[in-house]
């Protein structure tokens, strides 16, 4: 997740260029901000936003965004704009780690065995 100063096509294109590889496939709605994405990725599939596409194609996008909003409001209550990217980075880290619990013991052992000084 990345905080954007504006939702114009140039800002979106800059994030796409720095975040995704050329072999990526992007699913999005038909926002005018996404008009040039196909120039930077292998395939850009646009879906018209409706109740059906929200429930099927864009389901995990909506789940992730709603979970992030709930987490930010419940845990942090009030957020200043200058710290928003740090909060989103923390959320993404925790979201990814939630699916790697089976490797948690190995990570603890490695952390204990590694010397930091």
N, C-alpha and C. Protein backbone atom coordinates (compact mmCIF):
# COMPACT_ATOMS: atom_id res chain seq x y z
N UNK A 1 0.84 -1.17 0.00
CA UNK A 1 0.00 0.00 0.00
C UNK A 1 0.89 1.23 0.00
N UNK A 2 0.44 2.21 -0.73
CA UNK A 2 1.22 3.43 -0.87
C UNK A 2 0.31 4.64 -0.76
N UNK A 3 0.73 5.63 0.00
CA UNK A 3 -0.02 6.87 0.14
C UNK A 3 0.27 7.72 -1.08
N UNK A 4 -0.79 8.19 -1.74
CA UNK A 4 -0.64 9.06 -2.91
C UNK A 4 -1.06 10.47 -2.54
N UNK A 5 -0.30 11.44 -3.01
CA UNK A 5 -0.66 12.83 -2.78
C UNK A 5 -1.87 13.24 -3.62
N UNK A 6 -1.96 12.67 -4.81
CA UNK A 6 -3.11 12.94 -5.68
C UNK A 6 -3.50 11.64 -6.37
N UNK A 7 -4.66 11.63 -6.94
CA UNK A 7 -5.14 10.43 -7.62
C UNK A 7 -5.14 10.65 -9.13
N UNK A 8 -4.23 11.49 -9.59
CA UNK A 8 -4.10 11.74 -11.02
C UNK A 8 -3.30 10.62 -11.67
N UNK A 9 -3.44 10.50 -12.98
CA UNK A 9 -2.80 9.41 -13.71
C UNK A 9 -1.28 9.42 -13.55
N UNK A 10 -0.67 10.60 -13.49
CA UNK A 10 0.80 10.68 -13.35
C UNK A 10 1.26 10.07 -12.03
N UNK A 11 0.57 10.36 -10.96
CA UNK A 11 0.93 9.81 -9.65
C UNK A 11 0.77 8.30 -9.62
N UNK A 12 -0.32 7.82 -10.20
CA UNK A 12 -0.57 6.37 -10.25
C UNK A 12 0.50 5.70 -11.11
N UNK A 13 0.85 6.29 -12.24
CA UNK A 13 1.87 5.72 -13.12
C UNK A 13 3.23 5.64 -12.43
N UNK A 14 3.57 6.65 -11.64
CA UNK A 14 4.84 6.62 -10.91
C UNK A 14 4.90 5.46 -9.93
N UNK A 15 3.80 5.22 -9.23
CA UNK A 15 3.75 4.10 -8.28
C UNK A 15 3.83 2.77 -9.02
N UNK A 16 3.13 2.66 -10.14
CA UNK A 16 3.16 1.42 -10.94
C UNK A 16 4.58 1.14 -11.42
N UNK A 17 5.26 2.16 -11.92
CA UNK A 17 6.63 1.98 -12.44
C UNK A 17 7.59 1.51 -11.35
N UNK A 18 7.48 2.05 -10.15
CA UNK A 18 8.42 1.69 -9.10
C UNK A 18 8.02 0.43 -8.33
N UNK A 19 6.76 0.04 -8.38
CA UNK A 19 6.29 -1.07 -7.54
C UNK A 19 6.11 -2.40 -8.28
N UNK A 20 5.79 -2.36 -9.56
CA UNK A 20 5.46 -3.59 -10.28
C UNK A 20 6.47 -3.87 -11.38
N UNK A 21 6.67 -5.14 -11.68
CA UNK A 21 7.54 -5.50 -12.79
C UNK A 21 6.75 -5.48 -14.09
N UNK A 22 7.46 -5.51 -15.19
CA UNK A 22 6.80 -5.46 -16.49
C UNK A 22 5.98 -6.71 -16.78
N UNK A 23 6.24 -7.80 -16.07
CA UNK A 23 5.50 -9.04 -16.31
C UNK A 23 4.28 -9.17 -15.41
N UNK A 24 3.88 -8.10 -14.73
CA UNK A 24 2.74 -8.13 -13.81
C UNK A 24 1.41 -8.09 -14.56
N UNK A 25 0.39 -8.61 -13.88
CA UNK A 25 -0.99 -8.52 -14.36
C UNK A 25 -1.76 -7.71 -13.34
N UNK A 26 -2.45 -6.67 -13.79
CA UNK A 26 -3.16 -5.76 -12.91
C UNK A 26 -4.65 -5.84 -13.19
N UNK A 27 -5.44 -6.05 -12.14
CA UNK A 27 -6.89 -5.97 -12.21
C UNK A 27 -7.31 -4.66 -11.57
N UNK A 28 -8.15 -3.90 -12.23
CA UNK A 28 -8.61 -2.63 -11.67
C UNK A 28 -10.02 -2.32 -12.15
N UNK A 29 -10.59 -1.28 -11.55
CA UNK A 29 -11.86 -0.79 -12.06
C UNK A 29 -11.56 0.17 -13.22
N UNK A 30 -12.55 0.78 -13.77
CA UNK A 30 -12.35 1.63 -14.95
C UNK A 30 -12.15 3.09 -14.61
N UNK A 31 -11.35 3.36 -13.63
CA UNK A 31 -11.04 4.74 -13.26
C UNK A 31 -10.18 5.39 -14.35
N UNK A 32 -10.38 6.67 -14.58
CA UNK A 32 -9.58 7.39 -15.58
C UNK A 32 -8.13 7.55 -15.12
N UNK A 33 -7.85 7.34 -13.85
CA UNK A 33 -6.48 7.42 -13.35
C UNK A 33 -5.63 6.24 -13.81
N UNK A 34 -6.26 5.16 -14.25
CA UNK A 34 -5.54 3.95 -14.63
C UNK A 34 -5.37 3.83 -16.14
N UNK A 35 -5.51 4.89 -16.87
CA UNK A 35 -5.55 4.84 -18.32
C UNK A 35 -4.25 4.37 -18.96
N UNK A 36 -3.09 4.65 -18.32
CA UNK A 36 -1.80 4.30 -18.92
C UNK A 36 -1.14 3.07 -18.31
N UNK A 37 -1.81 2.37 -17.43
CA UNK A 37 -1.18 1.23 -16.75
C UNK A 37 -0.70 0.18 -17.74
N UNK A 38 -1.43 -0.04 -18.80
CA UNK A 38 -1.06 -1.09 -19.76
C UNK A 38 0.29 -0.81 -20.42
N UNK A 39 0.79 0.41 -20.36
CA UNK A 39 2.11 0.72 -20.91
C UNK A 39 3.23 0.21 -20.02
N UNK A 40 2.94 -0.11 -18.76
CA UNK A 40 3.98 -0.46 -17.79
C UNK A 40 3.91 -1.92 -17.33
N UNK A 41 2.83 -2.62 -17.62
CA UNK A 41 2.69 -4.02 -17.20
C UNK A 41 2.32 -4.88 -18.39
N UNK A 42 2.43 -6.18 -18.20
CA UNK A 42 2.13 -7.11 -19.30
C UNK A 42 0.64 -7.09 -19.67
N UNK A 43 -0.23 -7.09 -18.65
CA UNK A 43 -1.65 -7.16 -18.91
C UNK A 43 -2.41 -6.32 -17.88
N UNK A 44 -3.31 -5.51 -18.36
CA UNK A 44 -4.17 -4.70 -17.49
C UNK A 44 -5.61 -5.04 -17.81
N UNK A 45 -6.30 -5.65 -16.85
CA UNK A 45 -7.69 -6.05 -17.03
C UNK A 45 -8.56 -5.09 -16.25
N UNK A 46 -9.43 -4.42 -16.95
CA UNK A 46 -10.33 -3.46 -16.31
C UNK A 46 -11.71 -4.09 -16.16
N UNK A 47 -12.26 -3.96 -14.98
CA UNK A 47 -13.60 -4.46 -14.70
C UNK A 47 -14.50 -3.29 -14.33
N UNK A 48 -15.67 -3.26 -14.89
CA UNK A 48 -16.63 -2.23 -14.51
C UNK A 48 -17.08 -2.50 -13.08
N UNK A 49 -17.05 -1.50 -12.26
CA UNK A 49 -17.38 -1.67 -10.86
C UNK A 49 -18.88 -1.86 -10.69
N UNK A 50 -19.24 -3.00 -10.12
CA UNK A 50 -20.63 -3.32 -9.82
C UNK A 50 -20.66 -4.21 -8.59
N UNK A 51 -21.84 -4.54 -8.13
CA UNK A 51 -21.93 -5.42 -6.95
C UNK A 51 -21.29 -6.77 -7.23
N UNK A 52 -21.48 -7.29 -8.44
CA UNK A 52 -20.95 -8.61 -8.79
C UNK A 52 -19.42 -8.60 -8.83
N UNK A 53 -18.82 -7.62 -9.50
CA UNK A 53 -17.35 -7.58 -9.57
C UNK A 53 -16.73 -7.28 -8.20
N UNK A 54 -17.43 -6.52 -7.38
CA UNK A 54 -16.94 -6.24 -6.03
C UNK A 54 -16.87 -7.52 -5.21
N UNK A 55 -17.84 -8.41 -5.41
CA UNK A 55 -17.88 -9.66 -4.65
C UNK A 55 -16.95 -10.73 -5.21
N UNK A 56 -16.61 -10.65 -6.50
CA UNK A 56 -15.81 -11.72 -7.10
C UNK A 56 -14.40 -11.26 -7.45
N UNK A 57 -14.27 -10.40 -8.43
CA UNK A 57 -12.95 -10.03 -8.96
C UNK A 57 -12.16 -9.18 -7.98
N UNK A 58 -12.78 -8.19 -7.39
CA UNK A 58 -12.09 -7.25 -6.51
C UNK A 58 -12.31 -7.56 -5.03
N UNK A 59 -12.71 -8.79 -4.72
CA UNK A 59 -13.04 -9.17 -3.35
C UNK A 59 -11.88 -8.94 -2.39
N UNK A 60 -10.68 -9.42 -2.71
CA UNK A 60 -9.57 -9.32 -1.76
C UNK A 60 -9.04 -7.91 -1.65
N UNK A 61 -9.20 -7.11 -2.69
CA UNK A 61 -8.84 -5.70 -2.59
C UNK A 61 -9.73 -5.02 -1.56
N UNK A 62 -11.03 -5.26 -1.66
CA UNK A 62 -11.97 -4.65 -0.72
C UNK A 62 -11.79 -5.17 0.70
N UNK A 63 -11.49 -6.45 0.86
CA UNK A 63 -11.26 -7.00 2.19
C UNK A 63 -10.01 -6.38 2.81
N UNK A 64 -8.95 -6.25 2.03
CA UNK A 64 -7.71 -5.66 2.55
C UNK A 64 -7.90 -4.20 2.93
N UNK A 65 -8.57 -3.44 2.09
CA UNK A 65 -8.78 -2.02 2.38
C UNK A 65 -9.67 -1.85 3.61
N UNK A 66 -10.74 -2.62 3.71
CA UNK A 66 -11.62 -2.48 4.88
C UNK A 66 -10.92 -2.94 6.16
N UNK A 67 -10.08 -3.96 6.08
CA UNK A 67 -9.33 -4.40 7.25
C UNK A 67 -8.32 -3.33 7.68
N UNK A 68 -7.66 -2.71 6.71
CA UNK A 68 -6.71 -1.64 7.03
C UNK A 68 -7.41 -0.46 7.69
N UNK A 69 -8.55 -0.07 7.16
CA UNK A 69 -9.29 1.05 7.75
C UNK A 69 -9.72 0.73 9.18
N UNK A 70 -10.22 -0.48 9.40
CA UNK A 70 -10.65 -0.88 10.74
C UNK A 70 -9.46 -0.92 11.69
N UNK A 71 -8.33 -1.46 11.24
CA UNK A 71 -7.13 -1.55 12.06
C UNK A 71 -6.63 -0.16 12.43
N UNK A 72 -6.60 0.75 11.46
CA UNK A 72 -6.12 2.11 11.73
C UNK A 72 -7.02 2.83 12.73
N UNK A 73 -8.33 2.67 12.59
CA UNK A 73 -9.25 3.36 13.50
C UNK A 73 -9.25 2.76 14.90
N UNK A 74 -9.19 1.44 15.01
CA UNK A 74 -9.28 0.79 16.31
C UNK A 74 -7.97 0.90 17.09
N UNK A 75 -6.86 0.69 16.43
CA UNK A 75 -5.57 0.68 17.12
C UNK A 75 -5.03 2.09 17.32
N UNK A 76 -5.06 2.90 16.28
CA UNK A 76 -4.36 4.18 16.33
C UNK A 76 -5.28 5.38 16.56
N UNK A 77 -6.57 5.21 16.45
CA UNK A 77 -7.59 6.24 16.71
C UNK A 77 -7.44 7.48 15.84
N UNK A 78 -6.38 8.25 16.03
CA UNK A 78 -6.19 9.48 15.27
C UNK A 78 -4.83 9.43 14.59
N UNK A 79 -4.80 9.69 13.29
CA UNK A 79 -3.58 9.53 12.52
C UNK A 79 -3.21 10.85 11.86
N UNK A 80 -1.95 11.22 11.98
CA UNK A 80 -1.46 12.39 11.26
C UNK A 80 -0.98 11.95 9.89
N UNK A 81 -1.18 12.80 8.90
CA UNK A 81 -0.83 12.46 7.53
C UNK A 81 0.63 12.12 7.32
N UNK A 82 1.53 12.75 8.08
CA UNK A 82 2.95 12.49 7.86
C UNK A 82 3.37 11.09 8.32
N UNK A 83 2.57 10.45 9.15
CA UNK A 83 2.88 9.10 9.62
C UNK A 83 2.07 8.01 8.92
N UNK A 84 1.17 8.39 8.03
CA UNK A 84 0.27 7.41 7.41
C UNK A 84 1.03 6.32 6.67
N UNK A 85 2.09 6.66 5.92
CA UNK A 85 2.84 5.64 5.19
C UNK A 85 3.48 4.64 6.14
N UNK A 86 3.96 5.10 7.28
CA UNK A 86 4.55 4.18 8.27
C UNK A 86 3.49 3.23 8.83
N UNK A 87 2.30 3.75 9.09
CA UNK A 87 1.22 2.88 9.58
C UNK A 87 0.83 1.86 8.52
N UNK A 88 0.76 2.26 7.27
CA UNK A 88 0.42 1.32 6.20
C UNK A 88 1.51 0.27 6.02
N UNK A 89 2.76 0.66 6.16
CA UNK A 89 3.86 -0.32 6.09
C UNK A 89 3.74 -1.36 7.19
N UNK A 90 3.40 -0.91 8.40
CA UNK A 90 3.22 -1.83 9.52
C UNK A 90 2.04 -2.78 9.25
N UNK A 91 0.95 -2.23 8.73
CA UNK A 91 -0.21 -3.07 8.42
C UNK A 91 0.15 -4.14 7.40
N UNK A 92 0.85 -3.76 6.34
CA UNK A 92 1.23 -4.73 5.30
C UNK A 92 2.15 -5.81 5.85
N UNK A 93 3.09 -5.41 6.70
CA UNK A 93 3.99 -6.37 7.33
C UNK A 93 3.21 -7.40 8.15
N UNK A 94 2.28 -6.91 8.96
CA UNK A 94 1.48 -7.81 9.79
C UNK A 94 0.55 -8.68 8.96
N UNK A 95 0.02 -8.12 7.87
CA UNK A 95 -0.86 -8.89 7.00
C UNK A 95 -0.11 -10.04 6.34
N UNK A 96 1.10 -9.79 5.89
CA UNK A 96 1.91 -10.84 5.26
C UNK A 96 2.34 -11.88 6.28
N UNK A 97 2.74 -11.44 7.48
CA UNK A 97 3.19 -12.38 8.52
C UNK A 97 2.08 -13.27 9.03
N UNK A 98 0.85 -12.84 8.91
CA UNK A 98 -0.27 -13.62 9.43
C UNK A 98 -0.36 -14.98 8.73
N UNK A 99 0.15 -15.07 7.50
CA UNK A 99 0.08 -16.32 6.75
C UNK A 99 1.36 -17.14 6.83
N UNK A 100 2.31 -16.74 7.66
CA UNK A 100 3.55 -17.51 7.77
C UNK A 100 3.76 -18.01 9.20
N UNK A 101 2.70 -18.33 9.89
CA UNK A 101 2.81 -18.80 11.27
C UNK A 101 3.50 -20.14 11.38
N UNK A 102 3.41 -20.97 10.35
CA UNK A 102 4.04 -22.29 10.41
C UNK A 102 5.57 -22.18 10.45
N UNK A 103 6.14 -21.05 10.04
CA UNK A 103 7.58 -20.86 10.06
C UNK A 103 8.03 -19.99 11.23
N UNK A 104 7.12 -19.69 12.14
CA UNK A 104 7.43 -18.77 13.24
C UNK A 104 8.53 -19.32 14.15
N UNK A 105 8.48 -20.61 14.48
CA UNK A 105 9.49 -21.20 15.36
C UNK A 105 10.88 -21.09 14.75
N UNK A 106 11.00 -21.38 13.45
CA UNK A 106 12.29 -21.27 12.75
C UNK A 106 12.81 -19.84 12.79
N UNK A 107 11.93 -18.87 12.62
CA UNK A 107 12.35 -17.47 12.63
C UNK A 107 12.82 -17.04 14.01
N UNK A 108 12.17 -17.54 15.06
CA UNK A 108 12.59 -17.21 16.43
C UNK A 108 13.97 -17.79 16.71
N UNK A 109 14.21 -19.03 16.30
CA UNK A 109 15.51 -19.66 16.51
C UNK A 109 16.60 -18.89 15.77
N UNK A 110 16.35 -18.50 14.53
CA UNK A 110 17.33 -17.73 13.77
C UNK A 110 17.60 -16.38 14.41
N UNK A 111 16.57 -15.72 14.91
CA UNK A 111 16.74 -14.43 15.56
C UNK A 111 17.56 -14.56 16.84
N UNK A 112 17.37 -15.66 17.58
CA UNK A 112 18.10 -15.86 18.81
C UNK A 112 19.58 -16.20 18.51
N UNK A 113 19.82 -16.93 17.43
CA UNK A 113 21.18 -17.36 17.13
C UNK A 113 22.01 -16.27 16.46
N UNK A 114 21.39 -15.33 15.83
CA UNK A 114 22.12 -14.28 15.12
C UNK A 114 22.64 -13.24 16.09
N UNK A 115 23.89 -12.86 15.91
CA UNK A 115 24.46 -11.81 16.74
C UNK A 115 24.30 -10.47 16.03
N UNK A 116 23.94 -9.47 16.79
CA UNK A 116 23.69 -8.16 16.22
C UNK A 116 24.78 -7.16 16.55
N UNK A 117 25.81 -7.57 17.27
CA UNK A 117 26.89 -6.64 17.58
C UNK A 117 28.24 -7.27 17.39
